[in-house]
Amino acid sequence: MKWQVDDIRDKMNAIERDKKIMDLRKELFKLRSSNAMGGTLTDSTRIKRIKREIARIKTVQNENAEI
């Protein structure tokens, strides 16, 4: 599921954001390792989308840290 920045700000607290980042990083690790071992990706753009979702969540975390 793609999260928009407004949804991340309004609907997720800090603990949920941390958990979501950890889940996304685990999925990213699995995709990268399977791809490196010669496996095929069913959705070749999934790695790029996961990286963007992580960046969105981290952006909101940094905004909240400045306040």
N, C-alpha and C. Protein backbone atom coordinates (compact mmCIF):
# COMPACT_ATOMS: atom_id res chain seq x y z
N MET A 1 0.83 -1.18 0.00
CA MET A 1 0.00 0.00 0.00
C MET A 1 0.87 1.24 0.00
N LYS A 2 0.56 2.14 -0.86
CA LYS A 2 1.31 3.38 -0.96
C LYS A 2 0.74 4.39 0.03
N TRP A 3 1.60 4.91 0.87
CA TRP A 3 1.20 5.91 1.85
C TRP A 3 1.51 7.29 1.32
N GLN A 4 0.56 8.17 1.43
CA GLN A 4 0.79 9.56 1.10
C GLN A 4 1.32 10.27 2.34
N VAL A 5 2.02 11.35 2.16
CA VAL A 5 2.64 12.06 3.27
C VAL A 5 1.59 12.54 4.28
N ASP A 6 0.45 13.01 3.81
CA ASP A 6 -0.60 13.45 4.72
C ASP A 6 -1.11 12.31 5.59
N ASP A 7 -1.24 11.12 5.00
CA ASP A 7 -1.68 9.96 5.76
C ASP A 7 -0.66 9.58 6.82
N ILE A 8 0.60 9.67 6.48
CA ILE A 8 1.67 9.34 7.43
C ILE A 8 1.64 10.33 8.59
N ARG A 9 1.46 11.60 8.29
CA ARG A 9 1.42 12.62 9.34
C ARG A 9 0.23 12.44 10.27
N ASP A 10 -0.94 12.20 9.68
CA ASP A 10 -2.18 12.20 10.44
C ASP A 10 -2.50 10.86 11.09
N LYS A 11 -2.24 9.76 10.42
CA LYS A 11 -2.74 8.47 10.87
C LYS A 11 -1.71 7.57 11.55
N MET A 12 -0.45 7.93 11.48
CA MET A 12 0.58 7.07 12.07
C MET A 12 1.30 7.82 13.19
N ASN A 13 1.50 7.14 14.32
CA ASN A 13 2.30 7.74 15.37
C ASN A 13 3.76 7.30 15.18
N ALA A 14 4.64 7.75 16.05
CA ALA A 14 6.07 7.49 15.88
C ALA A 14 6.39 5.99 15.93
N ILE A 15 5.72 5.27 16.80
CA ILE A 15 5.99 3.82 16.92
C ILE A 15 5.55 3.09 15.66
N GLU A 16 4.40 3.46 15.13
CA GLU A 16 3.92 2.84 13.90
C GLU A 16 4.83 3.15 12.72
N ARG A 17 5.35 4.37 12.68
CA ARG A 17 6.28 4.74 11.60
C ARG A 17 7.57 3.92 11.70
N ASP A 18 8.10 3.76 12.90
CA ASP A 18 9.31 2.96 13.07
C ASP A 18 9.08 1.51 12.65
N LYS A 19 7.94 0.96 13.02
CA LYS A 19 7.62 -0.42 12.67
C LYS A 19 7.48 -0.57 11.15
N LYS A 20 6.83 0.41 10.53
CA LYS A 20 6.64 0.36 9.08
C LYS A 20 7.98 0.44 8.35
N ILE A 21 8.89 1.29 8.83
CA ILE A 21 10.22 1.38 8.22
C ILE A 21 10.96 0.05 8.34
N MET A 22 10.89 -0.57 9.51
CA MET A 22 11.57 -1.85 9.70
C MET A 22 11.00 -2.92 8.77
N ASP A 23 9.67 -2.96 8.63
CA ASP A 23 9.04 -3.93 7.73
C ASP A 23 9.45 -3.69 6.28
N LEU A 24 9.48 -2.43 5.87
CA LEU A 24 9.87 -2.10 4.50
C LEU A 24 11.33 -2.43 4.25
N ARG A 25 12.19 -2.19 5.23
CA ARG A 25 13.61 -2.51 5.06
C ARG A 25 13.83 -4.01 4.95
N LYS A 26 13.07 -4.80 5.72
CA LYS A 26 13.17 -6.26 5.62
C LYS A 26 12.74 -6.73 4.24
N GLU A 27 11.64 -6.17 3.75
CA GLU A 27 11.17 -6.54 2.42
C GLU A 27 12.18 -6.13 1.35
N LEU A 28 12.76 -4.94 1.50
CA LEU A 28 13.76 -4.47 0.54
C LEU A 28 14.98 -5.38 0.55
N PHE A 29 15.41 -5.80 1.73
CA PHE A 29 16.55 -6.71 1.84
C PHE A 29 16.26 -8.03 1.14
N LYS A 30 15.07 -8.58 1.34
CA LYS A 30 14.70 -9.85 0.70
C LYS A 30 14.69 -9.72 -0.81
N LEU A 31 14.12 -8.61 -1.30
CA LEU A 31 14.07 -8.40 -2.75
C LEU A 31 15.46 -8.25 -3.35
N ARG A 32 16.30 -7.46 -2.68
CA ARG A 32 17.65 -7.26 -3.20
C ARG A 32 18.47 -8.54 -3.17
N SER A 33 18.34 -9.30 -2.09
CA SER A 33 19.14 -10.53 -2.00
C SER A 33 18.67 -11.57 -3.00
N SER A 34 17.37 -11.70 -3.18
CA SER A 34 16.89 -12.67 -4.17
C SER A 34 17.27 -12.26 -5.58
N ASN A 35 17.27 -10.98 -5.84
CA ASN A 35 17.67 -10.48 -7.16
C ASN A 35 19.16 -10.70 -7.39
N ALA A 36 19.96 -10.50 -6.35
CA ALA A 36 21.41 -10.67 -6.48
C ALA A 36 21.80 -12.13 -6.70
N MET A 37 20.99 -13.04 -6.17
CA MET A 37 21.28 -14.47 -6.33
C MET A 37 20.76 -15.03 -7.63
N GLY A 38 20.29 -14.18 -8.49
CA GLY A 38 19.87 -14.62 -9.81
C GLY A 38 18.38 -14.89 -9.91
N GLY A 39 17.64 -14.59 -8.88
CA GLY A 39 16.19 -14.76 -8.94
C GLY A 39 15.55 -13.69 -9.80
N THR A 40 14.33 -13.91 -10.16
CA THR A 40 13.63 -12.93 -10.97
C THR A 40 12.62 -12.19 -10.10
N LEU A 41 12.49 -10.92 -10.35
CA LEU A 41 11.51 -10.11 -9.64
C LEU A 41 10.20 -10.16 -10.39
N THR A 42 9.11 -10.38 -9.66
CA THR A 42 7.80 -10.38 -10.31
C THR A 42 7.37 -8.96 -10.64
N ASP A 43 7.77 -8.01 -9.78
CA ASP A 43 7.46 -6.60 -10.00
C ASP A 43 8.77 -5.83 -9.92
N SER A 44 9.31 -5.48 -11.05
CA SER A 44 10.64 -4.87 -11.08
C SER A 44 10.69 -3.47 -10.48
N THR A 45 9.55 -2.82 -10.34
CA THR A 45 9.55 -1.47 -9.77
C THR A 45 9.32 -1.49 -8.25
N ARG A 46 9.15 -2.67 -7.66
CA ARG A 46 8.85 -2.76 -6.22
C ARG A 46 9.99 -2.19 -5.38
N ILE A 47 11.24 -2.43 -5.76
CA ILE A 47 12.38 -1.92 -5.00
C ILE A 47 12.35 -0.39 -4.97
N LYS A 48 12.10 0.22 -6.09
CA LYS A 48 12.04 1.67 -6.17
C LYS A 48 10.90 2.23 -5.32
N ARG A 49 9.73 1.57 -5.35
CA ARG A 49 8.59 2.04 -4.57
C ARG A 49 8.84 1.91 -3.07
N ILE A 50 9.49 0.84 -2.66
CA ILE A 50 9.80 0.65 -1.24
C ILE A 50 10.75 1.73 -0.76
N LYS A 51 11.78 2.02 -1.55
CA LYS A 51 12.73 3.07 -1.18
C LYS A 51 12.04 4.42 -1.04
N ARG A 52 11.09 4.71 -1.90
CA ARG A 52 10.36 5.98 -1.82
C ARG A 52 9.46 6.03 -0.59
N GLU A 53 8.83 4.91 -0.26
CA GLU A 53 7.98 4.87 0.93
C GLU A 53 8.81 5.10 2.19
N ILE A 54 9.98 4.49 2.24
CA ILE A 54 10.88 4.70 3.38
C ILE A 54 11.26 6.17 3.47
N ALA A 55 11.58 6.78 2.33
CA ALA A 55 11.97 8.19 2.31
C ALA A 55 10.83 9.09 2.77
N ARG A 56 9.59 8.77 2.38
CA ARG A 56 8.45 9.56 2.82
C ARG A 56 8.30 9.52 4.34
N ILE A 57 8.40 8.32 4.90
CA ILE A 57 8.23 8.17 6.35
C ILE A 57 9.36 8.88 7.09
N LYS A 58 10.59 8.74 6.60
CA LYS A 58 11.71 9.39 7.25
C LYS A 58 11.62 10.91 7.15
N THR A 59 11.04 11.42 6.08
CA THR A 59 10.84 12.86 5.95
C THR A 59 9.91 13.36 7.04
N VAL A 60 8.82 12.66 7.27
CA VAL A 60 7.88 13.05 8.31
C VAL A 60 8.55 12.96 9.68
N GLN A 61 9.35 11.92 9.89
CA GLN A 61 10.06 11.79 11.17
C GLN A 61 11.00 12.96 11.39
N ASN A 62 11.70 13.39 10.37
CA ASN A 62 12.62 14.53 10.50
C ASN A 62 11.87 15.83 10.72
N GLU A 63 10.71 15.98 10.11
CA GLU A 63 9.90 17.18 10.35
C GLU A 63 9.48 17.25 11.82
N ASN A 64 9.08 16.12 12.37
CA ASN A 64 8.64 16.08 13.76
C ASN A 64 9.80 16.26 14.72
N ALA A 65 10.99 15.86 14.33
CA ALA A 65 12.16 16.00 15.20
C ALA A 65 12.57 17.46 15.32
N GLU A 66 12.32 18.26 14.31
CA GLU A 66 12.69 19.67 14.33
C GLU A 66 11.78 20.50 15.22
N ILE A 67 10.60 20.01 15.45
CA ILE A 67 9.61 20.79 16.22
C ILE A 67 9.95 20.78 17.69
